[in-house]
């Protein structure tokens, strides 16, 4: 799903919301989430999951083409941990689809 898909869904679910307002809403939420992570905060959306920033220490890597050693600087990377509700929903739906596929294959 892309940002524009999210805007389309939001605009469809709330017809009183103009398309550009739906677009502004999605942009505002994502910008706030990005800014909070950039500031080093953790963002939790109950039932969905939490976003945080992980730190990777500097290390010595290897160029796969030449085999030469390369210094890789430390990094801050975004990390997402799904919430229990989301994990269960995805797991249940995956199990549901597998059962349906097994049923069609056997029948």
Protein backbone atom coordinates (compact mmCIF):
# COMPACT_ATOMS: atom_id res chain seq x y z
CA UNK A 1 0.00 0.00 0.00
CA UNK A 2 1.31 3.42 -0.93
CA UNK A 3 0.70 6.83 0.59
CA UNK A 4 -1.71 7.66 -2.26
CA UNK A 5 -3.61 4.39 -1.62
CA UNK A 6 -3.99 5.44 2.00
CA UNK A 7 -5.29 8.87 0.93
CA UNK A 8 -7.82 7.21 -1.42
CA UNK A 9 -9.09 4.90 1.33
CA UNK A 10 -9.39 7.78 3.79
CA UNK A 11 -11.25 9.95 1.24
CA UNK A 12 -13.59 7.05 0.40
CA UNK A 13 -14.39 6.29 4.07
CA UNK A 14 -15.04 9.95 4.88
CA UNK A 15 -16.93 11.50 1.94
CA UNK A 16 -17.26 14.80 3.86
CA UNK A 17 -13.46 15.07 3.71
CA UNK A 18 -12.12 16.70 0.54
CA UNK A 19 -9.42 14.70 -1.25
CA UNK A 20 -6.79 17.37 -0.54
CA UNK A 21 -7.79 17.33 3.16
CA UNK A 22 -7.34 13.55 3.26
CA UNK A 23 -3.97 14.02 1.61
CA UNK A 24 -3.01 16.71 4.15
CA UNK A 25 -4.13 14.46 7.03
CA UNK A 26 -1.99 11.54 5.88
CA UNK A 27 0.99 13.85 5.25
CA UNK A 28 0.62 15.47 8.68
CA UNK A 29 0.47 12.11 10.49
CA UNK A 30 3.48 10.70 8.63
CA UNK A 31 5.47 13.93 9.10
CA UNK A 32 4.73 13.88 12.86
CA UNK A 33 5.79 10.23 13.08
CA UNK A 34 8.98 10.97 11.14
CA UNK A 35 9.80 14.01 13.27
CA UNK A 36 9.25 12.08 16.52
CA UNK A 37 11.61 9.32 15.35
CA UNK A 38 14.17 11.89 14.21
CA UNK A 39 14.00 13.43 17.70
CA UNK A 40 14.72 9.98 19.19
CA UNK A 41 11.22 9.32 20.53
CA UNK A 42 9.32 6.05 20.40
CA UNK A 43 5.89 6.13 18.70
CA UNK A 44 3.25 3.62 19.77
CA UNK A 45 -0.07 3.11 18.02
CA UNK A 46 -2.18 0.80 20.20
CA UNK A 47 -3.34 -2.33 18.39
CA UNK A 48 -0.99 -1.63 15.48
CA UNK A 49 2.58 -1.47 16.74
CA UNK A 50 5.44 0.74 17.78
CA UNK A 51 8.14 2.58 15.90
CA UNK A 52 11.53 3.27 17.42
CA UNK A 53 15.06 4.10 16.35
CA UNK A 54 17.77 1.46 16.64
CA UNK A 55 21.46 2.25 16.67
CA UNK A 56 23.99 0.26 14.68
CA UNK A 57 27.58 0.63 15.81
CA UNK A 58 30.35 1.48 13.38
CA UNK A 59 32.05 -1.57 11.93
CA UNK A 60 34.45 -2.79 9.30
CA UNK A 61 32.66 -4.21 6.27
CA UNK A 62 33.91 -5.78 3.09
CA UNK A 63 33.34 -4.66 -0.49
CA UNK A 64 31.81 -7.75 -2.16
CA UNK A 65 33.42 -7.02 -5.55
CA UNK A 66 36.99 -6.33 -4.51
CA UNK A 67 37.10 -7.95 -1.07
CA UNK A 68 38.57 -4.66 0.23
CA UNK A 69 37.80 -3.67 3.83
CA UNK A 70 35.54 -0.64 4.17
CA UNK A 71 34.71 1.42 7.26
CA UNK A 72 30.93 1.48 7.76
CA UNK A 73 29.87 4.41 9.96
CA UNK A 74 27.37 4.07 12.82
CA UNK A 75 23.74 4.46 11.80
CA UNK A 76 20.35 5.19 13.28
CA UNK A 77 17.69 3.08 11.61
CA UNK A 78 13.90 3.01 12.07
CA UNK A 79 12.49 -0.16 13.59
CA UNK A 80 8.86 -1.34 13.63
CA UNK A 81 7.52 -3.87 16.10
CA UNK A 82 3.96 -5.02 15.36
CA UNK A 83 1.48 -5.04 18.22
CA UNK A 84 -0.21 -8.18 19.48
CA UNK A 85 -3.50 -7.39 17.72
CA UNK A 86 -1.79 -6.89 14.35
CA UNK A 87 0.34 -10.04 14.75
CA UNK A 88 -2.72 -12.12 15.62
CA UNK A 89 -4.76 -10.67 12.75
CA UNK A 90 -2.05 -11.35 10.18
CA UNK A 91 -1.35 -14.82 11.58
CA UNK A 92 -5.07 -15.70 11.65
CA UNK A 93 -5.62 -14.49 8.10
CA UNK A 94 -2.56 -16.38 6.89
CA UNK A 95 -3.86 -19.55 8.55
CA UNK A 96 -7.31 -18.91 7.07
CA UNK A 97 -5.93 -18.57 3.54
CA UNK A 98 -3.81 -21.70 3.94
CA UNK A 99 -6.85 -23.68 5.12
CA UNK A 100 -8.86 -22.41 2.14
CA UNK A 101 -6.07 -23.32 -0.28
CA UNK A 102 -5.72 -26.78 1.25
CA UNK A 103 -9.48 -27.26 1.02
CA UNK A 104 -9.56 -26.28 -2.66
CA UNK A 105 -6.59 -28.49 -3.47
CA UNK A 106 -8.17 -31.48 -1.73
CA UNK A 107 -11.68 -30.88 -3.16
